[in-house]
All heavy atoms as atom14 arrays in JSON, in Angstrom:
{
  "sequence": "GCACPRCAAAWADPARAARPACLGIVDDMSGERWLIDATPAFPS",
  "atom14_mask": [
    [1, 1, 1, 1, 0, 0, 0, 0, 0, 0, 0, 0, 0, 0],
    [1, 1, 1, 1, 1, 1, 0, 0, 0, 0, 0, 0, 0, 0],
    [1, 1, 1, 1, 1, 0, 0, 0, 0, 0, 0, 0, 0, 0],
    [1, 1, 1, 1, 1, 1, 0, 0, 0, 0, 0, 0, 0, 0],
    [1, 1, 1, 1, 1, 1, 1, 0, 0, 0, 0, 0, 0, 0],
    [1, 1, 1, 1, 1, 1, 1, 1, 1, 1, 1, 0, 0, 0],
    [1, 1, 1, 1, 1, 1, 0, 0, 0, 0, 0, 0, 0, 0],
    [1, 1, 1, 1, 1, 0, 0, 0, 0, 0, 0, 0, 0, 0],
    [1, 1, 1, 1, 1, 0, 0, 0, 0, 0, 0, 0, 0, 0],
    [1, 1, 1, 1, 1, 0, 0, 0, 0, 0, 0, 0, 0, 0],
    [1, 1, 1, 1, 1, 1, 1, 1, 1, 1, 1, 1, 1, 1],
    [1, 1, 1, 1, 1, 0, 0, 0, 0, 0, 0, 0, 0, 0],
    [1, 1, 1, 1, 1, 1, 1, 1, 0, 0, 0, 0, 0, 0],
    [1, 1, 1, 1, 1, 1, 1, 0, 0, 0, 0, 0, 0, 0],
    [1, 1, 1, 1, 1, 0, 0, 0, 0, 0, 0, 0, 0, 0],
    [1, 1, 1, 1, 1, 1, 1, 1, 1, 1, 1, 0, 0, 0],
    [1, 1, 1, 1, 1, 0, 0, 0, 0, 0, 0, 0, 0, 0],
    [1, 1, 1, 1, 1, 0, 0, 0, 0, 0, 0, 0, 0, 0],
    [1, 1, 1, 1, 1, 1, 1, 1, 1, 1, 1, 0, 0, 0],
    [1, 1, 1, 1, 1, 1, 1, 0, 0, 0, 0, 0, 0, 0],
    [1, 1, 1, 1, 1, 0, 0, 0, 0, 0, 0, 0, 0, 0],
    [1, 1, 1, 1, 1, 1, 0, 0, 0, 0, 0, 0, 0, 0],
    [1, 1, 1, 1, 1, 1, 1, 1, 0, 0, 0, 0, 0, 0],
    [1, 1, 1, 1, 0, 0, 0, 0, 0, 0, 0, 0, 0, 0],
    [1, 1, 1, 1, 1, 1, 1, 1, 0, 0, 0, 0, 0, 0],
    [1, 1, 1, 1, 1, 1, 1, 0, 0, 0, 0, 0, 0, 0],
    [1, 1, 1, 1, 1, 1, 1, 1, 0, 0, 0, 0, 0, 0],
    [1, 1, 1, 1, 1, 1, 1, 1, 0, 0, 0, 0, 0, 0],
    [1, 1, 1, 1, 1, 1, 1, 1, 0, 0, 0, 0, 0, 0],
    [1, 1, 1, 1, 1, 1, 0, 0, 0, 0, 0, 0, 0, 0],
    [1, 1, 1, 1, 0, 0, 0, 0, 0, 0, 0, 0, 0, 0],
    [1, 1, 1, 1, 1, 1, 1, 1, 1, 0, 0, 0, 0, 0],
    [1, 1, 1, 1, 1, 1, 1, 1, 1, 1, 1, 0, 0, 0],
    [1, 1, 1, 1, 1, 1, 1, 1, 1, 1, 1, 1, 1, 1],
    [1, 1, 1, 1, 1, 1, 1, 1, 0, 0, 0, 0, 0, 0],
    [1, 1, 1, 1, 1, 1, 1, 1, 0, 0, 0, 0, 0, 0],
    [1, 1, 1, 1, 1, 1, 1, 1, 0, 0, 0, 0, 0, 0],
    [1, 1, 1, 1, 1, 0, 0, 0, 0, 0, 0, 0, 0, 0],
    [1, 1, 1, 1, 1, 1, 1, 0, 0, 0, 0, 0, 0, 0],
    [1, 1, 1, 1, 1, 1, 1, 0, 0, 0, 0, 0, 0, 0],
    [1, 1, 1, 1, 1, 0, 0, 0, 0, 0, 0, 0, 0, 0],
    [1, 1, 1, 1, 1, 1, 1, 1, 1, 1, 1, 0, 0, 0],
    [1, 1, 1, 1, 1, 1, 1, 0, 0, 0, 0, 0, 0, 0],
    [1, 1, 1, 1, 1, 1, 0, 0, 0, 0, 0, 0, 0, 0]
  ],
  "atom14_positions": [
    [[9.19, -14.58, 0.22], [9.43, -16.09, 0.2], [8.27, -16.89, 0.1], [8.33, -18.18, 0.34], [0.0, 0.0, 0.0], [0.0, 0.0, 0.0], [0.0, 0.0, 0.0], [0.0, 0.0, 0.0], [0.0, 0.0, 0.0], [0.0, 0.0, 0.0], [0.0, 0.0, 0.0], [0.0, 0.0, 0.0], [0.0, 0.0, 0.0], [0.0, 0.0, 0.0]],
    [[7.13, -16.31, -0.34], [5.87, -17.14, -0.4], [5.51, -17.46, -1.93], [5.61, -16.52, -2.73], [4.58, -16.34, 0.28], [3.28, -17.31, 0.27], [0.0, 0.0, 0.0], [0.0, 0.0, 0.0], [0.0, 0.0, 0.0], [0.0, 0.0, 0.0], [0.0, 0.0, 0.0], [0.0, 0.0, 0.0], [0.0, 0.0, 0.0], [0.0, 0.0, 0.0]],
    [[5.26, -18.67, -2.09], [4.85, -19.08, -3.44], [3.38, -19.66, -3.43], [3.05, -20.41, -4.31], [5.8, -20.2, -3.98], [0.0, 0.0, 0.0], [0.0, 0.0, 0.0], [0.0, 0.0, 0.0], [0.0, 0.0, 0.0], [0.0, 0.0, 0.0], [0.0, 0.0, 0.0], [0.0, 0.0, 0.0], [0.0, 0.0, 0.0], [0.0, 0.0, 0.0]],
    [[2.58, -19.26, -2.47], [1.21, -19.62, -2.53], [0.46, -19.05, -3.72], [1.04, -18.13, -4.3], [0.45, -19.06, -1.21], [0.16, -17.33, -1.17], [0.0, 0.0, 0.0], [0.0, 0.0, 0.0], [0.0, 0.0, 0.0], [0.0, 0.0, 0.0], [0.0, 0.0, 0.0], [0.0, 0.0, 0.0], [0.0, 0.0, 0.0], [0.0, 0.0, 0.0]],
    [[-0.59, -19.66, -4.17], [-1.2, -19.21, -5.38], [-1.45, -17.64, -5.48], [-1.25, -17.01, -6.5], [-2.51, -19.95, -5.39], [-2.27, -21.21, -4.69], [-1.28, -20.78, -3.61], [0.0, 0.0, 0.0], [0.0, 0.0, 0.0], [0.0, 0.0, 0.0], [0.0, 0.0, 0.0], [0.0, 0.0, 0.0], [0.0, 0.0, 0.0], [0.0, 0.0, 0.0]],
    [[-1.81, -17.02, -4.44], [-2.25, -15.66, -4.34], [-0.95, -14.79, -4.43], [-0.82, -13.83, -5.22], [-2.96, -15.17, -3.1], [-3.57, -13.92, -3.03], [-4.61, -13.66, -2.06], [-5.75, -14.55, -2.3], [-6.13, -15.57, -1.48], [-5.44, -15.93, -0.47], [-7.21, -16.18, -1.77], [0.0, 0.0, 0.0], [0.0, 0.0, 0.0], [0.0, 0.0, 0.0]],
    [[0.17, -15.19, -3.82], [1.4, -14.45, -3.88], [1.99, -14.82, -5.14], [2.51, -13.84, -5.84], [2.35, -14.92, -2.71], [1.92, -14.26, -1.17], [0.0, 0.0, 0.0], [0.0, 0.0, 0.0], [0.0, 0.0, 0.0], [0.0, 0.0, 0.0], [0.0, 0.0, 0.0], [0.0, 0.0, 0.0], [0.0, 0.0, 0.0], [0.0, 0.0, 0.0]],
    [[2.03, -16.0, -5.7], [2.51, -16.29, -7.06], [1.87, -15.46, -8.13], [2.54, -14.91, -9.06], [2.43, -17.71, -7.36], [0.0, 0.0, 0.0], [0.0, 0.0, 0.0], [0.0, 0.0, 0.0], [0.0, 0.0, 0.0], [0.0, 0.0, 0.0], [0.0, 0.0, 0.0], [0.0, 0.0, 0.0], [0.0, 0.0, 0.0], [0.0, 0.0, 0.0]],
    [[0.55, -15.2, -8.03], [-0.22, -14.34, -9.06], [0.27, -13.01, -8.89], [0.41, -12.26, -9.94], [-1.65, -14.59, -8.76], [0.0, 0.0, 0.0], [0.0, 0.0, 0.0], [0.0, 0.0, 0.0], [0.0, 0.0, 0.0], [0.0, 0.0, 0.0], [0.0, 0.0, 0.0], [0.0, 0.0, 0.0], [0.0, 0.0, 0.0], [0.0, 0.0, 0.0]],
    [[0.52, -12.52, -7.68], [1.05, -11.05, -7.56], [2.39, -10.93, -8.0], [2.76, -9.85, -8.45], [0.87, -10.71, -6.1], [0.0, 0.0, 0.0], [0.0, 0.0, 0.0], [0.0, 0.0, 0.0], [0.0, 0.0, 0.0], [0.0, 0.0, 0.0], [0.0, 0.0, 0.0], [0.0, 0.0, 0.0], [0.0, 0.0, 0.0], [0.0, 0.0, 0.0]],
    [[3.31, -11.92, -7.77], [4.64, -11.83, -8.39], [4.45, -11.77, -9.91], [5.25, -10.89, -10.49], [5.52, -13.11, -8.02], [5.95, -13.07, -6.52], [5.59, -14.09, -5.65], [6.69, -12.17, -5.81], [6.19, -13.81, -4.44], [6.85, -12.66, -4.48], [7.27, -10.93, -6.16], [7.58, -11.97, -3.51], [7.98, -10.33, -5.24], [8.22, -10.83, -3.95]],
    [[3.62, -12.45, -10.53], [3.54, -12.47, -11.9], [2.83, -11.24, -12.43], [3.24, -10.8, -13.58], [2.86, -13.76, -12.43], [0.0, 0.0, 0.0], [0.0, 0.0, 0.0], [0.0, 0.0, 0.0], [0.0, 0.0, 0.0], [0.0, 0.0, 0.0], [0.0, 0.0, 0.0], [0.0, 0.0, 0.0], [0.0, 0.0, 0.0], [0.0, 0.0, 0.0]],
    [[1.96, -10.69, -11.74], [1.11, -9.53, -12.25], [1.04, -8.49, -11.0], [0.31, -8.62, -10.14], [-0.36, -9.95, -12.56], [-1.19, -8.79, -12.93], [-0.63, -7.66, -13.14], [-2.37, -9.1, -13.23], [0.0, 0.0, 0.0], [0.0, 0.0, 0.0], [0.0, 0.0, 0.0], [0.0, 0.0, 0.0], [0.0, 0.0, 0.0], [0.0, 0.0, 0.0]],
    [[1.92, -7.49, -11.01], [1.97, -6.5, -10.03], [0.62, -5.9, -9.69], [0.38, -5.31, -8.58], [2.92, -5.39, -10.5], [3.91, -6.23, -11.46], [2.99, -7.19, -12.09], [0.0, 0.0, 0.0], [0.0, 0.0, 0.0], [0.0, 0.0, 0.0], [0.0, 0.0, 0.0], [0.0, 0.0, 0.0], [0.0, 0.0, 0.0], [0.0, 0.0, 0.0]],
    [[-0.18, -5.88, -10.72], [-1.61, -5.28, -10.46], [-2.27, -6.05, -9.35], [-3.42, -5.47, -8.84], [-2.45, -5.26, -11.67], [0.0, 0.0, 0.0], [0.0, 0.0, 0.0], [0.0, 0.0, 0.0], [0.0, 0.0, 0.0], [0.0, 0.0, 0.0], [0.0, 0.0, 0.0], [0.0, 0.0, 0.0], [0.0, 0.0, 0.0], [0.0, 0.0, 0.0]],
    [[-1.95, -7.29, -9.02], [-2.56, -8.17, -8.06], [-2.0, -8.03, -6.68], [-2.27, -8.64, -5.66], [-2.67, -9.59, -8.51], [-3.49, -9.8, -9.83], [-3.77, -11.17, -10.08], [-4.59, -11.88, -9.08], [-5.05, -13.07, -9.06], [-4.71, -13.83, -10.16], [-5.77, -13.56, -8.17], [0.0, 0.0, 0.0], [0.0, 0.0, 0.0], [0.0, 0.0, 0.0]],
    [[-0.95, -7.13, -6.62], [-0.26, -6.86, -5.25], [-1.17, -6.0, -4.35], [-2.15, -5.34, -4.83], [1.05, -6.12, -5.54], [0.0, 0.0, 0.0], [0.0, 0.0, 0.0], [0.0, 0.0, 0.0], [0.0, 0.0, 0.0], [0.0, 0.0, 0.0], [0.0, 0.0, 0.0], [0.0, 0.0, 0.0], [0.0, 0.0, 0.0], [0.0, 0.0, 0.0]],
    [[-0.91, -6.16, -3.05], [-1.57, -5.37, -2.1], [-0.76, -4.84, -1.05], [0.06, -5.54, -0.55], [-2.66, -6.1, -1.37], [0.0, 0.0, 0.0], [0.0, 0.0, 0.0], [0.0, 0.0, 0.0], [0.0, 0.0, 0.0], [0.0, 0.0, 0.0], [0.0, 0.0, 0.0], [0.0, 0.0, 0.0], [0.0, 0.0, 0.0], [0.0, 0.0, 0.0]],
    [[-0.81, -3.5, -0.75], [0.06, -2.92, 0.23], [-0.4, -3.03, 1.63], [-1.55, -3.11, 1.85], [0.26, -1.52, -0.18], [1.05, -1.31, -1.38], [1.25, 0.21, -1.88], [-0.04, 0.94, -2.08], [-0.16, 2.25, -2.51], [1.0, 2.91, -2.93], [-1.25, 2.71, -2.6], [0.0, 0.0, 0.0], [0.0, 0.0, 0.0], [0.0, 0.0, 0.0]],
    [[0.47, -2.96, 2.51], [0.02, -3.08, 3.96], [-0.97, -1.89, 4.26], [-0.91, -0.81, 3.81], [1.38, -2.8, 4.83], [2.47, -3.36, 3.96], [1.87, -2.84, 2.51], [0.0, 0.0, 0.0], [0.0, 0.0, 0.0], [0.0, 0.0, 0.0], [0.0, 0.0, 0.0], [0.0, 0.0, 0.0], [0.0, 0.0, 0.0], [0.0, 0.0, 0.0]],
    [[-1.79, -2.15, 5.32], [-2.92, -1.24, 5.64], [-2.3, 0.09, 6.08], [-1.46, 0.12, 6.94], [-3.69, -1.98, 6.89], [0.0, 0.0, 0.0], [0.0, 0.0, 0.0], [0.0, 0.0, 0.0], [0.0, 0.0, 0.0], [0.0, 0.0, 0.0], [0.0, 0.0, 0.0], [0.0, 0.0, 0.0], [0.0, 0.0, 0.0], [0.0, 0.0, 0.0]],
    [[-2.92, 1.07, 5.4], [-2.48, 2.46, 5.79], [-3.51, 3.46, 5.35], [-4.29, 3.15, 4.33], [-1.25, 2.73, 4.91], [-0.58, 4.44, 5.05], [0.0, 0.0, 0.0], [0.0, 0.0, 0.0], [0.0, 0.0, 0.0], [0.0, 0.0, 0.0], [0.0, 0.0, 0.0], [0.0, 0.0, 0.0], [0.0, 0.0, 0.0], [0.0, 0.0, 0.0]],
    [[-3.7, 4.52, 6.14], [-4.88, 5.42, 5.84], [-4.1, 6.83, 5.63], [-3.28, 7.18, 6.44], [-5.82, 5.53, 6.91], [-7.13, 6.31, 6.66], [-8.0, 5.63, 5.76], [-7.84, 6.54, 7.97], [0.0, 0.0, 0.0], [0.0, 0.0, 0.0], [0.0, 0.0, 0.0], [0.0, 0.0, 0.0], [0.0, 0.0, 0.0], [0.0, 0.0, 0.0]],
    [[-4.52, 7.57, 4.58], [-4.05, 8.89, 4.38], [-5.18, 9.87, 4.67], [-6.32, 9.53, 4.38], [0.0, 0.0, 0.0], [0.0, 0.0, 0.0], [0.0, 0.0, 0.0], [0.0, 0.0, 0.0], [0.0, 0.0, 0.0], [0.0, 0.0, 0.0], [0.0, 0.0, 0.0], [0.0, 0.0, 0.0], [0.0, 0.0, 0.0], [0.0, 0.0, 0.0]],
    [[-5.0, 10.98, 5.25], [-5.99, 11.99, 5.62], [-5.58, 13.33, 4.91], [-4.34, 13.74, 4.91], [-6.09, 12.31, 7.14], [-6.39, 10.96, 7.79], [-7.2, 13.2, 7.31], [-7.62, 10.32, 7.45], [0.0, 0.0, 0.0], [0.0, 0.0, 0.0], [0.0, 0.0, 0.0], [0.0, 0.0, 0.0], [0.0, 0.0, 0.0], [0.0, 0.0, 0.0]],
    [[-6.43, 13.91, 4.15], [-6.14, 15.13, 3.4], [-7.15, 16.2, 3.91], [-8.34, 15.98, 3.8], [-6.29, 14.97, 1.87], [-6.08, 16.25, 1.15], [-5.33, 13.85, 1.43], [0.0, 0.0, 0.0], [0.0, 0.0, 0.0], [0.0, 0.0, 0.0], [0.0, 0.0, 0.0], [0.0, 0.0, 0.0], [0.0, 0.0, 0.0], [0.0, 0.0, 0.0]],
    [[-6.6, 17.44, 4.25], [-7.4, 18.56, 4.56], [-7.65, 19.21, 3.1], [-6.6, 19.8, 2.61], [-6.84, 19.39, 5.55], [-7.67, 20.72, 5.8], [-8.23, 21.26, 4.99], [-7.63, 21.14, 6.99], [0.0, 0.0, 0.0], [0.0, 0.0, 0.0], [0.0, 0.0, 0.0], [0.0, 0.0, 0.0], [0.0, 0.0, 0.0], [0.0, 0.0, 0.0]],
    [[-8.73, 19.32, 2.54], [-9.01, 19.72, 1.24], [-9.01, 21.21, 1.09], [-9.05, 21.84, 0.07], [-10.32, 19.1, 0.65], [-10.15, 17.63, 0.49], [-9.41, 17.22, -0.35], [-10.86, 17.01, 1.27], [0.0, 0.0, 0.0], [0.0, 0.0, 0.0], [0.0, 0.0, 0.0], [0.0, 0.0, 0.0], [0.0, 0.0, 0.0], [0.0, 0.0, 0.0]],
    [[-8.83, 21.99, 2.28], [-8.66, 23.3, 2.18], [-7.2, 23.79, 2.27], [-6.75, 24.55, 1.52], [-9.54, 24.02, 3.45], [-9.2, 25.56, 3.5], [-10.06, 26.26, 4.89], [-11.87, 26.15, 4.33], [0.0, 0.0, 0.0], [0.0, 0.0, 0.0], [0.0, 0.0, 0.0], [0.0, 0.0, 0.0], [0.0, 0.0, 0.0], [0.0, 0.0, 0.0]],
    [[-6.51, 23.24, 3.27], [-5.08, 23.62, 3.36], [-4.14, 22.87, 2.55], [-3.05, 23.2, 2.33], [-4.69, 23.44, 4.9], [-4.61, 22.01, 5.27], [0.0, 0.0, 0.0], [0.0, 0.0, 0.0], [0.0, 0.0, 0.0], [0.0, 0.0, 0.0], [0.0, 0.0, 0.0], [0.0, 0.0, 0.0], [0.0, 0.0, 0.0], [0.0, 0.0, 0.0]],
    [[-4.6, 21.5, 2.18], [-3.69, 20.7, 1.43], [-2.78, 19.97, 2.3], [-1.99, 19.07, 1.76], [0.0, 0.0, 0.0], [0.0, 0.0, 0.0], [0.0, 0.0, 0.0], [0.0, 0.0, 0.0], [0.0, 0.0, 0.0], [0.0, 0.0, 0.0], [0.0, 0.0, 0.0], [0.0, 0.0, 0.0], [0.0, 0.0, 0.0], [0.0, 0.0, 0.0]],
    [[-2.89, 20.04, 3.69], [-1.96, 19.26, 4.58], [-2.53, 17.75, 4.43], [-3.67, 17.59, 4.24], [-2.24, 19.83, 5.93], [-1.59, 21.19, 6.16], [-1.93, 21.69, 7.56], [-3.1, 21.69, 7.86], [-0.97, 21.87, 8.35], [0.0, 0.0, 0.0], [0.0, 0.0, 0.0], [0.0, 0.0, 0.0], [0.0, 0.0, 0.0], [0.0, 0.0, 0.0]],
    [[-1.5, 16.81, 4.64], [-1.83, 15.42, 4.64], [-1.13, 14.71, 5.63], [-0.05, 15.11, 6.09], [-1.3, 14.89, 3.23], [-2.06, 15.47, 2.01], [-1.1, 16.03, 0.96], [-1.77, 17.01, 0.09], [-2.33, 16.76, -1.0], [-2.19, 15.51, -1.5], [-3.02, 17.59, -1.77], [0.0, 0.0, 0.0], [0.0, 0.0, 0.0], [0.0, 0.0, 0.0]],
    [[-1.85, 13.78, 6.22], [-1.31, 12.93, 7.33], [-1.41, 11.44, 6.84], [-2.35, 11.03, 6.2], [-2.09, 13.14, 8.48], [-1.96, 14.4, 9.18], [-1.15, 14.98, 10.15], [-2.71, 15.71, 8.87], [-1.29, 16.24, 10.53], [-2.28, 16.7, 9.7], [-3.75, 15.87, 7.96], [-2.76, 18.01, 9.59], [-4.33, 17.15, 7.93], [-3.92, 18.16, 8.74]],
    [[-0.46, 10.72, 7.35], [-0.58, 9.23, 7.3], [-0.82, 8.67, 8.57], [-0.38, 9.07, 9.6], [0.9, 8.63, 6.74], [1.22, 8.86, 5.31], [2.64, 8.45, 5.12], [0.27, 7.95, 4.43], [0.0, 0.0, 0.0], [0.0, 0.0, 0.0], [0.0, 0.0, 0.0], [0.0, 0.0, 0.0], [0.0, 0.0, 0.0], [0.0, 0.0, 0.0]],
    [[-1.68, 7.7, 8.51], [-1.88, 6.83, 9.76], [-1.32, 5.53, 9.58], [-1.66, 4.81, 8.65], [-3.4, 6.73, 10.11], [-4.03, 7.99, 10.35], [-3.46, 5.8, 11.41], [-5.46, 8.0, 10.85], [0.0, 0.0, 0.0], [0.0, 0.0, 0.0], [0.0, 0.0, 0.0], [0.0, 0.0, 0.0], [0.0, 0.0, 0.0], [0.0, 0.0, 0.0]],
    [[-0.16, 5.21, 10.22], [0.76, 4.19, 10.21], [1.83, 4.49, 8.92], [1.47, 4.95, 7.98], [0.05, 2.76, 9.94], [-0.45, 2.38, 11.34], [0.05, 2.72, 12.38], [-1.45, 1.64, 11.32], [0.0, 0.0, 0.0], [0.0, 0.0, 0.0], [0.0, 0.0, 0.0], [0.0, 0.0, 0.0], [0.0, 0.0, 0.0], [0.0, 0.0, 0.0]],
    [[2.99, 4.04, 9.18], [4.17, 4.15, 8.27], [4.6, 2.79, 7.97], [5.3, 2.17, 8.78], [5.22, 5.02, 8.97], [0.0, 0.0, 0.0], [0.0, 0.0, 0.0], [0.0, 0.0, 0.0], [0.0, 0.0, 0.0], [0.0, 0.0, 0.0], [0.0, 0.0, 0.0], [0.0, 0.0, 0.0], [0.0, 0.0, 0.0], [0.0, 0.0, 0.0]],
    [[4.19, 2.2, 6.82], [4.35, 0.82, 6.53], [5.58, 0.62, 5.83], [6.25, 1.52, 5.23], [3.19, 0.29, 5.64], [3.33, 0.54, 4.34], [1.73, 0.92, 6.26], [0.0, 0.0, 0.0], [0.0, 0.0, 0.0], [0.0, 0.0, 0.0], [0.0, 0.0, 0.0], [0.0, 0.0, 0.0], [0.0, 0.0, 0.0], [0.0, 0.0, 0.0]],
    [[5.93, -0.72, 5.45], [7.17, -0.96, 4.58], [6.95, -0.39, 3.18], [7.88, -0.35, 2.4], [7.16, -2.51, 4.63], [6.6, -2.84, 5.85], [5.56, -1.93, 6.11], [0.0, 0.0, 0.0], [0.0, 0.0, 0.0], [0.0, 0.0, 0.0], [0.0, 0.0, 0.0], [0.0, 0.0, 0.0], [0.0, 0.0, 0.0], [0.0, 0.0, 0.0]],
    [[5.74, -0.11, 2.81], [5.36, 0.53, 1.54], [5.38, 1.97, 1.59], [4.69, 2.57, 0.71], [4.04, -0.07, 0.85], [0.0, 0.0, 0.0], [0.0, 0.0, 0.0], [0.0, 0.0, 0.0], [0.0, 0.0, 0.0], [0.0, 0.0, 0.0], [0.0, 0.0, 0.0], [0.0, 0.0, 0.0], [0.0, 0.0, 0.0], [0.0, 0.0, 0.0]],
    [[6.01, 2.58, 2.55], [5.92, 4.0, 2.77], [6.15, 4.87, 1.51], [5.48, 5.82, 1.21], [6.84, 4.42, 3.88], [6.92, 5.84, 4.22], [6.1, 6.38, 5.32], [7.87, 6.66, 3.55], [6.15, 7.8, 5.5], [7.87, 8.01, 3.92], [7.04, 8.55, 4.83], [0.0, 0.0, 0.0], [0.0, 0.0, 0.0], [0.0, 0.0, 0.0]],
    [[7.26, 4.51, 0.73], [7.49, 5.43, -0.47], [6.28, 5.52, -1.47], [5.98, 6.67, -1.74], [8.81, 4.73, -1.17], [9.47, 4.03, 0.05], [8.29, 3.49, 0.87], [0.0, 0.0, 0.0], [0.0, 0.0, 0.0], [0.0, 0.0, 0.0], [0.0, 0.0, 0.0], [0.0, 0.0, 0.0], [0.0, 0.0, 0.0], [0.0, 0.0, 0.0]],
    [[5.7, 4.43, -1.73], [4.62, 4.56, -2.72], [3.42, 5.07, -2.11], [2.64, 5.8, -2.81], [4.32, 3.15, -3.39], [3.91, 2.08, -2.36], [0.0, 0.0, 0.0], [0.0, 0.0, 0.0], [0.0, 0.0, 0.0], [0.0, 0.0, 0.0], [0.0, 0.0, 0.0], [0.0, 0.0, 0.0], [0.0, 0.0, 0.0], [0.0, 0.0, 0.0]]
  ]
}
Protein backbone atom coordinates (compact mmCIF):
# COMPACT_ATOMS: atom_id res chain seq x y z
CA GLY A 1 0.00 0.00 0.00
CA CYS A 2 2.97 2.37 -0.11
CA ALA A 3 3.72 4.72 -2.99
CA CYS A 4 6.68 6.54 -1.43
CA PRO A 5 9.55 7.11 -3.88
CA ARG A 6 11.58 4.16 -2.57
CA CYS A 7 8.65 1.73 -2.68
CA ALA A 8 7.50 3.06 -6.06
CA ALA A 9 10.99 2.42 -7.43
CA ALA A 10 10.91 -1.12 -6.08
CA TRP A 11 7.47 -1.78 -7.56
CA ALA A 12 8.81 -0.65 -10.92
CA ASP A 13 12.13 -2.49 -10.62
CA PRO A 14 12.17 -5.71 -8.54
CA ALA A 15 15.95 -5.44 -8.32
CA ARG A 16 15.41 -2.57 -5.87
CA ALA A 17 13.28 -4.67 -3.53
CA ALA A 18 14.56 -5.68 -0.10
CA ARG A 19 13.45 -8.66 1.93
CA PRO A 20 12.85 -8.65 5.71
CA ALA A 21 15.88 -9.21 7.92
CA CYS A 22 16.88 -12.86 8.01
CA LEU A 23 20.10 -14.78 8.56
CA GLY A 24 21.02 -18.17 7.16
CA ILE A 25 23.67 -20.40 8.71
CA VAL A 26 25.40 -23.17 6.75
CA ASP A 27 27.65 -25.89 8.14
CA ASP A 28 30.04 -26.29 5.23
CA MET A 29 30.97 -29.80 6.29
CA SER A 30 27.57 -31.42 6.86
CA GLY A 31 25.52 -29.23 4.52
CA GLU A 32 23.00 -28.52 7.30
CA ARG A 33 21.34 -25.12 7.13
CA TRP A 34 19.46 -23.06 9.69
CA LEU A 35 17.37 -19.92 9.41
CA ILE A 36 17.33 -17.25 12.06
CA ASP A 37 13.81 -15.82 11.82
CA ALA A 38 11.07 -16.99 9.48
CA THR A 39 9.94 -13.91 7.57
CA PRO A 40 7.08 -13.21 5.14
CA ALA A 41 9.69 -13.83 2.42
CA PHE A 42 10.33 -17.37 3.72
CA PRO A 43 9.92 -19.13 0.33
CA SER A 44 12.60 -17.13 -1.48
